[in-house]
Amino acid sequence: MSERAGEAVPAAQKSSWTSFMKSLAGFTGDLSAMTAPPFILSPTSLTEFPAYWCERPELFAAIADGKTEQTRALAVLKWFISTLKGQYTSRNESMGSEKKPLNPVLGELFYGYWPANEARGGKTTLVVEQVSHHPPITAYRIENIAKGVILTGHNAQKTSFSGGSIIVKQVGHAVLTVSLPSGQTEEYLITLPRLRIDGLWYGSPYIELAEMSYIQSSTGWLSTIEYKGKGYFSGKSHTFKATLTPPPHGSSEPTVIEGTWHTNSKDVHTGAVFHDVTSPKEEVTVAPIEEQSEWESRKLWFGVAKGIREGDFETAATFKGKIENDQRQKRCDEATANKTWGLKHFQYIESDPVYEHLGKLFKANPPTEDAYVYLNNGPPS
C-alpha cells in the first residue's frame, strides 16, 4: 500500500497530505473540527446537502399516489434508496474524489425549490438552517404541499479514525409525513446509515455505507436496509439489501430488494427493476447570489468557493479565515451580553414523540432522540 500511498494527491500538496494523514492517525476524539489540506476541500457548504433528499422530486411526490399502505411503504423505500447516490457519491463523480464540505456557521441558511410540473404536481420547497455549530447540526424541511408530502429532519456527525478509514456515525433522523385524500396521515421514521470514508492513503477518498438503517411506517410496515461495501480483497461497492416486512400478524410476504444504491436494484422475487438512478438528476433551483441575504450559503461562502474552484487556495483561506473570525467575534459579543443565538426557522425539542413512538416498533437505538420542529415561516413560495 505504501508504494501507492497518496498517488491521487497533486504533487504540490503531497507534503500537506502526508502531514494530514499523520495527524489523523494520532488524533483522538471527534475529527469534524480538523483542518483538511486545501485541495480536498469542497466549495459547497454542508447546509446544501439536504437538497440531495429531493434530486428526484417526482419520486418524492409519487409517495402520495400509492393506493395501499404497502405500495406507499414501497414508494418511500424507492425514494429513499434513490437519494443515496446524490448524498454519498456525487462528489466523486463531479470532483474526482470525496471532498470535505465547508463547515457551516451558526444561523447559516439555504433555500431552494424544484418547480411544479404535471408529473409531480406542485412546487417542492427546501428550507435549511444550521442550528448548531459545536457540534455542527443541520435542520431541514422539504415539502410538496400540493401532494401532501413533507420531510423534516436534522443531521449531525460524530467522526473517528480506525484502520485507515474515517468512521462517521450519523446522528439525527428524518420524519416523512404523508397526508392522504381520505384525511388520514401516515408518518415514516427514517434513520441514517453509518459511513466509512476509505481511499485516504491514496489521496482519493470515497464514501461507503455500512451497517443498517430503517424506515418505520406508522401503519406497521418496516424497511430494513443492510449496506455492504467493497472489502479489501472482495465485494462490490455500494451494495445493499432492503427487506420490507408487513405489520405483525399481516398476511403479506416480505419484499426483498437487492442491488447497488448508486445505480439500480431489483425485486429479488419478481426480477422487476426497483430503482434506477443512472438517469440525470434535477438540481435544486436557488436564487441568484445578488438576491440572497448575507446568511445564505452561496453568498456567505462565495469568495471561498471561488478560490477553491479556481485552485487559488490562498485566497480561499483568506476569505475562510475572515468568516471564521467574524463568527468567533459574534460568539464573544453574545457571551458578553449574556445572550444566546436565536434560531430562525426551527425550535429545539429534547425528545421527538414520533421518533419515540415509531422507534419502539423496531427497537430503535437510542430509544429517544431530540429534534428540531419547523416553525412554518420559510420564505414566500
Protein backbone atom coordinates (compact mmCIF):
# COMPACT_ATOMS: atom_id res chain seq x y z
CA MET A 1 0.00 0.00 0.00
CA SER A 2 2.78 2.43 0.86
CA GLU A 3 4.14 2.46 -2.72
CA ARG A 4 0.81 3.79 -3.96
CA ALA A 5 0.01 6.00 -0.97
CA GLY A 6 -1.00 9.49 -1.99
CA GLU A 7 -0.94 8.65 -5.71
CA ALA A 8 -4.00 10.85 -6.38
CA VAL A 9 -2.60 13.82 -4.45
CA PRO A 10 -1.39 16.82 -6.51
CA ALA A 11 2.41 16.98 -6.39
CA ALA A 12 2.38 20.43 -4.76
CA GLN A 13 0.11 19.14 -1.98
CA LYS A 14 1.81 15.83 -1.11
CA SER A 15 3.63 17.13 1.96
CA SER A 16 0.46 18.64 3.44
CA TRP A 17 -1.45 15.41 2.72
CA THR A 18 1.25 13.33 4.44
CA SER A 19 1.07 15.63 7.48
CA PHE A 20 -2.72 15.36 7.48
CA MET A 21 -2.62 11.56 7.43
CA LYS A 22 -0.11 11.52 10.30
CA SER A 23 -2.30 13.84 12.33
CA LEU A 24 -5.34 11.65 11.61
CA ALA A 25 -3.56 8.53 12.79
CA GLY A 26 -2.60 10.15 16.08
CA PHE A 27 -5.83 12.04 16.71
CA THR A 28 -8.28 11.13 19.46
CA GLY A 29 -11.82 12.44 19.72
CA ASP A 30 -14.14 13.96 17.11
CA LEU A 31 -12.42 14.64 13.78
CA SER A 32 -15.01 17.08 12.44
CA ALA A 33 -13.07 20.14 13.63
CA MET A 34 -9.79 19.11 11.97
CA THR A 35 -8.43 21.30 9.18
CA ALA A 36 -8.04 19.42 5.90
CA PRO A 37 -5.49 20.24 3.17
CA PRO A 38 -6.90 22.83 0.73
CA PHE A 39 -7.05 20.54 -2.32
CA ILE A 40 -9.52 18.22 -0.58
CA LEU A 41 -11.93 20.99 0.42
CA SER A 42 -15.31 21.21 -1.30
CA PRO A 43 -16.63 24.59 -2.49
CA THR A 44 -20.04 23.61 -1.08
CA SER A 45 -21.31 24.20 2.43
CA LEU A 46 -22.82 21.34 4.39
CA THR A 47 -26.10 23.31 4.53
CA GLU A 48 -26.65 22.47 0.86
CA PHE A 49 -26.57 18.72 1.47
CA PRO A 50 -30.28 18.30 2.42
CA ALA A 51 -31.08 19.13 -1.22
CA TYR A 52 -29.85 15.61 -2.05
CA TRP A 53 -33.05 14.27 -0.45
CA CYS A 54 -35.04 15.60 -3.39
CA GLU A 55 -32.91 15.50 -6.53
CA ARG A 56 -35.57 13.20 -7.98
CA PRO A 57 -38.63 15.19 -6.92
CA GLU A 58 -41.02 13.03 -8.95
CA LEU A 59 -40.23 10.07 -6.65
CA PHE A 60 -40.81 12.24 -3.57
CA ALA A 61 -44.19 13.37 -4.91
CA ALA A 62 -45.18 9.87 -6.06
CA ILE A 63 -45.27 8.60 -2.48
CA ALA A 64 -48.72 10.13 -2.09
CA ASP A 65 -50.03 8.29 -5.16
CA GLY A 66 -49.80 4.83 -3.60
CA LYS A 67 -53.23 3.24 -3.22
CA THR A 68 -52.40 0.98 -0.28
CA GLU A 69 -50.24 1.08 2.83
CA GLN A 70 -47.89 -1.43 1.21
CA THR A 71 -47.47 0.45 -2.08
CA ARG A 72 -46.82 3.70 -0.21
CA ALA A 73 -44.22 1.99 2.01
CA LEU A 74 -42.54 0.66 -1.17
CA ALA A 75 -42.65 4.14 -2.72
CA VAL A 76 -40.96 5.58 0.37
CA LEU A 77 -38.24 2.92 0.18
CA LYS A 78 -37.72 3.55 -3.54
CA TRP A 79 -37.42 7.31 -2.99
CA PHE A 80 -35.01 6.84 -0.06
CA ILE A 81 -32.69 4.47 -1.93
CA SER A 82 -32.72 6.88 -4.87
CA THR A 83 -31.38 9.70 -2.64
CA LEU A 84 -28.25 7.81 -1.62
CA LYS A 85 -26.27 8.34 -4.83
CA GLY A 86 -26.56 12.11 -4.56
CA GLN A 87 -25.84 12.16 -0.85
CA TYR A 88 -22.82 9.87 -0.88
CA THR A 89 -21.16 9.51 -4.31
CA SER A 90 -21.91 12.66 -6.31
CA ARG A 91 -18.69 14.46 -5.26
CA ASN A 92 -16.61 11.55 -6.56
CA GLU A 93 -18.26 11.90 -9.95
CA SER A 94 -18.08 15.70 -10.19
CA MET A 95 -14.76 16.37 -8.38
CA GLY A 96 -12.80 13.12 -8.74
CA SER A 97 -12.98 12.15 -5.06
CA GLU A 98 -14.93 12.85 -1.90
CA LYS A 99 -14.31 16.38 -0.60
CA LYS A 100 -14.65 17.87 2.88
CA PRO A 101 -17.62 20.27 2.80
CA LEU A 102 -17.38 23.76 4.23
CA ASN A 103 -18.33 23.75 7.91
CA PRO A 104 -21.44 25.98 8.19
CA VAL A 105 -21.66 28.93 10.55
CA LEU A 106 -24.38 29.10 13.17
CA GLY A 107 -27.51 30.56 11.59
CA GLU A 108 -26.45 29.83 8.01
CA LEU A 109 -29.42 29.39 5.67
CA PHE A 110 -30.07 27.63 2.39
CA TYR A 111 -33.30 27.99 0.41
CA GLY A 112 -34.27 26.30 -2.82
CA TYR A 113 -37.09 24.70 -4.80
CA TRP A 114 -38.00 22.31 -7.60
CA PRO A 115 -40.68 23.84 -9.86
CA ALA A 116 -44.14 22.41 -10.29
CA ASN A 117 -44.94 20.25 -13.29
CA GLU A 118 -47.58 17.77 -14.37
CA ALA A 119 -45.64 14.71 -13.18
CA ARG A 120 -45.19 15.88 -9.59
CA GLY A 121 -47.96 18.38 -9.08
CA GLY A 122 -46.99 21.43 -7.06
CA LYS A 123 -43.73 23.14 -6.29
CA THR A 124 -41.36 21.38 -3.87
CA THR A 125 -39.60 23.73 -1.44
CA LEU A 126 -36.48 23.39 0.71
CA VAL A 127 -35.57 25.29 3.89
CA VAL A 128 -32.26 24.54 5.65
CA GLU A 129 -30.79 26.16 8.76
CA GLN A 130 -27.56 25.49 10.63
CA VAL A 131 -28.98 25.18 14.14
CA SER A 132 -25.72 24.41 15.96
CA HIS A 133 -22.04 24.98 15.25
CA HIS A 134 -20.45 22.96 18.09
CA PRO A 135 -21.40 20.26 17.31
CA PRO A 136 -22.43 21.03 13.71
CA ILE A 137 -26.15 20.25 13.30
CA THR A 138 -28.20 20.99 10.19
CA ALA A 139 -32.02 21.06 10.25
CA TYR A 140 -34.14 20.91 7.10
CA ARG A 141 -37.68 20.89 5.73
CA ILE A 142 -38.76 19.70 2.28
CA GLU A 143 -42.40 19.85 1.26
CA ASN A 144 -44.69 19.46 -1.70
CA ILE A 145 -47.89 20.94 -0.30
CA ALA A 146 -50.00 20.06 -3.35
CA LYS A 147 -49.16 16.36 -2.92
CA GLY A 148 -49.25 16.42 0.88
CA VAL A 149 -45.69 15.10 1.32
CA ILE A 150 -43.37 16.66 3.92
CA LEU A 151 -39.91 15.70 5.16
CA THR A 152 -38.48 17.22 8.35
CA GLY A 153 -35.17 16.22 9.89
CA HIS A 154 -31.77 17.07 11.25
CA ASN A 155 -28.32 15.63 10.83
CA ALA A 156 -25.00 15.73 12.67
CA GLN A 157 -21.87 13.58 12.52
CA LYS A 158 -19.54 12.02 15.05
CA THR A 159 -16.28 11.03 13.40
CA SER A 160 -13.32 8.87 14.36
CA PHE A 161 -10.32 7.27 12.66
CA SER A 162 -9.89 3.49 12.57
CA GLY A 163 -7.91 1.08 10.40
CA GLY A 164 -7.02 3.67 7.78
CA SER A 165 -10.63 4.86 7.36
CA ILE A 166 -12.71 7.68 8.80
CA ILE A 167 -15.78 6.28 10.52
CA VAL A 168 -18.80 8.60 10.57
CA LYS A 169 -21.73 7.94 12.86
CA GLN A 170 -24.63 10.00 11.57
CA VAL A 171 -26.66 11.46 14.40
CA GLY A 172 -30.25 12.52 13.79
CA HIS A 173 -33.25 11.26 11.85
CA ALA A 174 -35.97 12.38 9.47
CA VAL A 175 -39.75 12.10 9.63
CA LEU A 176 -41.75 11.85 6.41
CA THR A 177 -45.41 12.84 6.69
CA VAL A 178 -47.96 11.92 4.01
CA SER A 179 -51.44 13.47 4.05
CA LEU A 180 -53.88 11.20 2.23
CA PRO A 181 -57.03 12.21 0.30
CA SER A 182 -59.07 10.38 2.95
CA GLY A 183 -57.90 12.89 5.56
CA GLN A 184 -55.66 10.34 7.26
CA THR A 185 -51.96 10.94 7.85
CA GLU A 186 -49.10 8.45 7.66
CA GLU A 187 -45.70 9.02 9.24
CA TYR A 188 -42.40 7.33 8.43
CA LEU A 189 -39.38 7.45 10.75
CA ILE A 190 -36.14 7.35 8.75
CA THR A 191 -32.83 6.55 10.44
CA LEU A 192 -29.44 7.21 8.86
CA PRO A 193 -26.70 4.75 7.84
CA ARG A 194 -23.18 4.79 9.21
CA LEU A 195 -20.46 5.96 6.81
CA ARG A 196 -16.92 4.77 6.22
CA ILE A 197 -14.57 7.03 4.25
CA ASP A 198 -11.98 4.86 2.50
CA GLY A 199 -9.23 5.61 0.00
CA LEU A 200 -7.44 8.08 2.29
CA TRP A 201 -3.99 6.55 1.82
CA TYR A 202 -4.25 7.19 -1.92
CA GLY A 203 -5.47 10.75 -1.51
CA SER A 204 -8.72 9.79 -3.23
CA PRO A 205 -11.38 9.43 -0.52
CA TYR A 206 -14.75 7.84 -1.22
CA ILE A 207 -17.74 7.00 0.95
CA GLU A 208 -19.06 3.55 1.64
CA LEU A 209 -22.25 2.94 3.64
CA ALA A 210 -22.18 0.44 6.48
CA GLU A 211 -24.39 -1.44 8.90
CA MET A 212 -28.18 -0.87 8.85
CA SER A 213 -30.80 1.83 8.58
CA TYR A 214 -34.57 1.65 8.96
CA ILE A 215 -37.80 3.19 7.68
CA GLN A 216 -40.69 2.54 10.07
CA SER A 217 -44.21 3.43 8.96
CA SER A 218 -47.00 4.33 11.36
CA THR A 219 -49.01 1.65 9.52
CA GLY A 220 -46.59 -1.02 10.76
CA TRP A 221 -44.63 -1.63 7.56
CA LEU A 222 -40.86 -1.69 8.17
CA SER A 223 -38.00 -1.38 5.70
CA THR A 224 -34.69 -2.76 6.95
CA ILE A 225 -31.76 -1.73 4.77
CA GLU A 226 -28.43 -3.54 5.08
CA TYR A 227 -25.37 -1.95 3.46
CA LYS A 228 -22.40 -3.97 2.28
CA GLY A 229 -19.45 -2.21 0.75
CA LYS A 230 -16.32 -3.27 -1.04
CA GLY A 231 -13.88 -5.07 1.23
CA TYR A 232 -10.10 -5.05 0.97
CA PHE A 233 -10.00 -8.27 -1.05
CA SER A 234 -13.51 -8.79 -2.34
CA GLY A 235 -17.03 -7.43 -2.58
CA LYS A 236 -18.81 -4.93 -4.78
CA SER A 237 -19.01 -1.25 -3.91
CA HIS A 238 -22.27 0.30 -2.73
CA THR A 239 -24.33 -2.87 -2.47
CA PHE A 240 -27.44 -3.11 -0.33
CA LYS A 241 -30.28 -5.43 0.59
CA ALA A 242 -33.63 -3.97 1.67
CA THR A 243 -36.44 -6.01 3.17
CA LEU A 244 -39.94 -4.57 3.51
CA THR A 245 -41.90 -6.54 6.10
CA PRO A 246 -45.64 -6.25 6.83
CA PRO A 247 -47.08 -5.28 10.21
CA PRO A 248 -47.14 -8.01 12.86
CA HIS A 249 -49.81 -10.60 12.08
CA GLY A 250 -50.03 -9.31 8.49
CA SER A 251 -50.62 -11.83 5.73
CA SER A 252 -48.39 -10.31 3.03
CA GLU A 253 -45.00 -11.76 2.19
CA PRO A 254 -41.88 -9.60 2.69
CA THR A 255 -40.49 -7.79 -0.36
CA VAL A 256 -36.73 -8.13 -0.83
CA ILE A 257 -34.72 -5.67 -2.94
CA GLU A 258 -31.06 -6.10 -3.84
CA GLY A 259 -28.64 -4.08 -5.95
CA THR A 260 -26.23 -1.17 -5.84
CA TRP A 261 -27.65 2.05 -4.49
CA HIS A 262 -25.63 4.27 -6.85
CA THR A 263 -27.00 2.54 -9.99
CA ASN A 264 -30.04 0.24 -9.80
CA SER A 265 -31.70 -2.63 -7.97
CA LYS A 266 -34.30 -5.36 -8.50
CA ASP A 267 -37.06 -7.15 -6.66
CA VAL A 268 -35.47 -10.49 -5.78
CA HIS A 269 -38.71 -12.46 -6.24
CA THR A 270 -40.03 -10.94 -9.46
CA GLY A 271 -36.84 -9.68 -11.12
CA ALA A 272 -38.52 -6.32 -11.80
CA VAL A 273 -36.39 -3.17 -11.68
CA PHE A 274 -36.99 -1.37 -8.40
CA HIS A 275 -34.90 1.78 -8.56
CA ASP A 276 -32.65 3.23 -11.27
CA VAL A 277 -30.61 6.39 -10.76
CA THR A 278 -28.49 6.20 -13.88
CA SER A 279 -30.56 8.97 -15.50
CA PRO A 280 -29.77 12.66 -14.88
CA LYS A 281 -30.84 14.16 -11.55
CA GLU A 282 -32.55 17.53 -11.10
CA GLU A 283 -30.54 20.17 -9.25
CA VAL A 284 -32.32 22.43 -6.79
CA THR A 285 -33.14 25.92 -8.05
CA VAL A 286 -31.60 28.70 -5.95
CA ALA A 287 -31.98 32.49 -6.12
CA PRO A 288 -29.14 34.42 -7.80
CA ILE A 289 -26.30 35.45 -5.45
CA GLU A 290 -27.22 39.12 -5.72
CA GLU A 291 -30.72 38.38 -4.39
CA GLN A 292 -29.52 36.37 -1.39
CA SER A 293 -29.06 37.64 2.16
CA GLU A 294 -25.66 37.62 3.85
CA TRP A 295 -26.68 34.50 5.81
CA GLU A 296 -27.46 32.37 2.75
CA SER A 297 -24.82 29.75 1.97
CA ARG A 298 -23.78 30.63 -1.55
CA LYS A 299 -23.44 34.35 -0.79
CA LEU A 300 -21.73 33.77 2.54
CA TRP A 301 -19.10 31.41 1.09
CA PHE A 302 -18.83 32.99 -2.38
CA GLY A 303 -15.19 34.12 -2.07
CA VAL A 304 -14.10 30.84 -0.52
CA ALA A 305 -15.90 28.73 -3.13
CA LYS A 306 -14.49 30.81 -6.00
CA GLY A 307 -10.95 30.38 -4.69
CA ILE A 308 -11.35 26.60 -4.30
CA ARG A 309 -12.84 26.17 -7.78
CA GLU A 310 -10.05 28.21 -9.35
CA GLY A 311 -7.30 26.45 -7.36
CA ASP A 312 -6.43 29.71 -5.60
CA PHE A 313 -6.27 28.21 -2.12
CA GLU A 314 -4.52 31.23 -0.60
CA THR A 315 -7.44 33.49 -1.48
CA ALA A 316 -9.91 30.83 -0.32
CA ALA A 317 -8.09 30.60 3.02
CA THR A 318 -8.18 34.39 3.44
CA PHE A 319 -11.95 34.58 2.91
CA LYS A 320 -12.50 31.50 5.09
CA GLY A 321 -10.42 32.98 7.90
CA LYS A 322 -12.41 36.23 7.82
CA ILE A 323 -15.73 34.34 8.09
CA GLU A 324 -14.43 32.25 10.99
CA ASN A 325 -13.03 35.29 12.81
CA ASP A 326 -16.35 37.14 12.38
CA GLN A 327 -18.14 34.16 13.90
CA ARG A 328 -15.79 34.00 16.87
CA GLN A 329 -16.39 37.70 17.49
CA LYS A 330 -20.18 37.21 17.34
CA ARG A 331 -19.97 34.44 19.95
CA CYS A 332 -17.80 36.65 22.18
CA ASP A 333 -20.23 39.55 21.84
CA GLU A 334 -23.14 37.26 22.74
CA ALA A 335 -21.30 35.95 25.80
CA THR A 336 -20.50 39.48 26.94
CA ALA A 337 -24.16 40.50 26.53
CA ASN A 338 -25.30 37.25 28.19
CA LYS A 339 -27.31 36.34 25.10
CA THR A 340 -27.65 33.18 23.03
CA TRP A 341 -28.24 32.83 19.31
CA GLY A 342 -31.93 32.57 18.36
CA LEU A 343 -32.96 30.10 15.66
CA LYS A 344 -34.95 31.43 12.70
CA HIS A 345 -36.94 28.51 11.25
CA PHE A 346 -36.75 25.71 13.83
CA GLN A 347 -37.38 25.10 17.53
CA TYR A 348 -35.40 22.57 19.51
CA ILE A 349 -37.17 19.83 21.49
CA GLU A 350 -35.38 17.35 23.76
CA SER A 351 -37.40 14.32 22.68
CA ASP A 352 -39.22 13.70 19.40
CA PRO A 353 -42.54 11.95 20.15
CA VAL A 354 -42.70 10.49 16.61
CA TYR A 355 -39.22 9.00 16.96
CA GLU A 356 -40.03 7.55 20.37
CA HIS A 357 -43.38 6.07 19.24
CA LEU A 358 -42.27 4.58 15.91
CA GLY A 359 -38.83 3.66 17.23
CA LYS A 360 -40.41 1.27 19.72
CA LEU A 361 -41.77 -0.79 16.82
CA PHE A 362 -38.26 -1.86 15.73
CA LYS A 363 -36.37 -1.22 18.99
CA ALA A 364 -34.52 1.86 17.77
CA ASN A 365 -31.19 2.64 19.39
CA PRO A 366 -31.18 5.11 21.07
CA PRO A 367 -34.82 4.76 22.22
CA THR A 368 -35.31 8.55 22.24
CA GLU A 369 -33.76 11.36 20.24
CA ASP A 370 -34.03 15.14 20.14
CA ALA A 371 -35.39 17.03 17.13
CA TYR A 372 -35.98 20.43 15.57
CA VAL A 373 -39.60 21.44 14.91
CA TYR A 374 -40.21 23.55 11.82
CA LEU A 375 -41.92 26.87 12.54
CA ASN A 376 -43.67 27.17 9.13
CA ASN A 377 -42.02 30.51 8.43
CA GLY A 378 -39.94 29.83 5.33
CA PRO A 379 -39.55 32.40 2.56
CA PRO A 380 -42.64 33.07 0.43
CA SER A 381 -43.11 30.43 -2.26
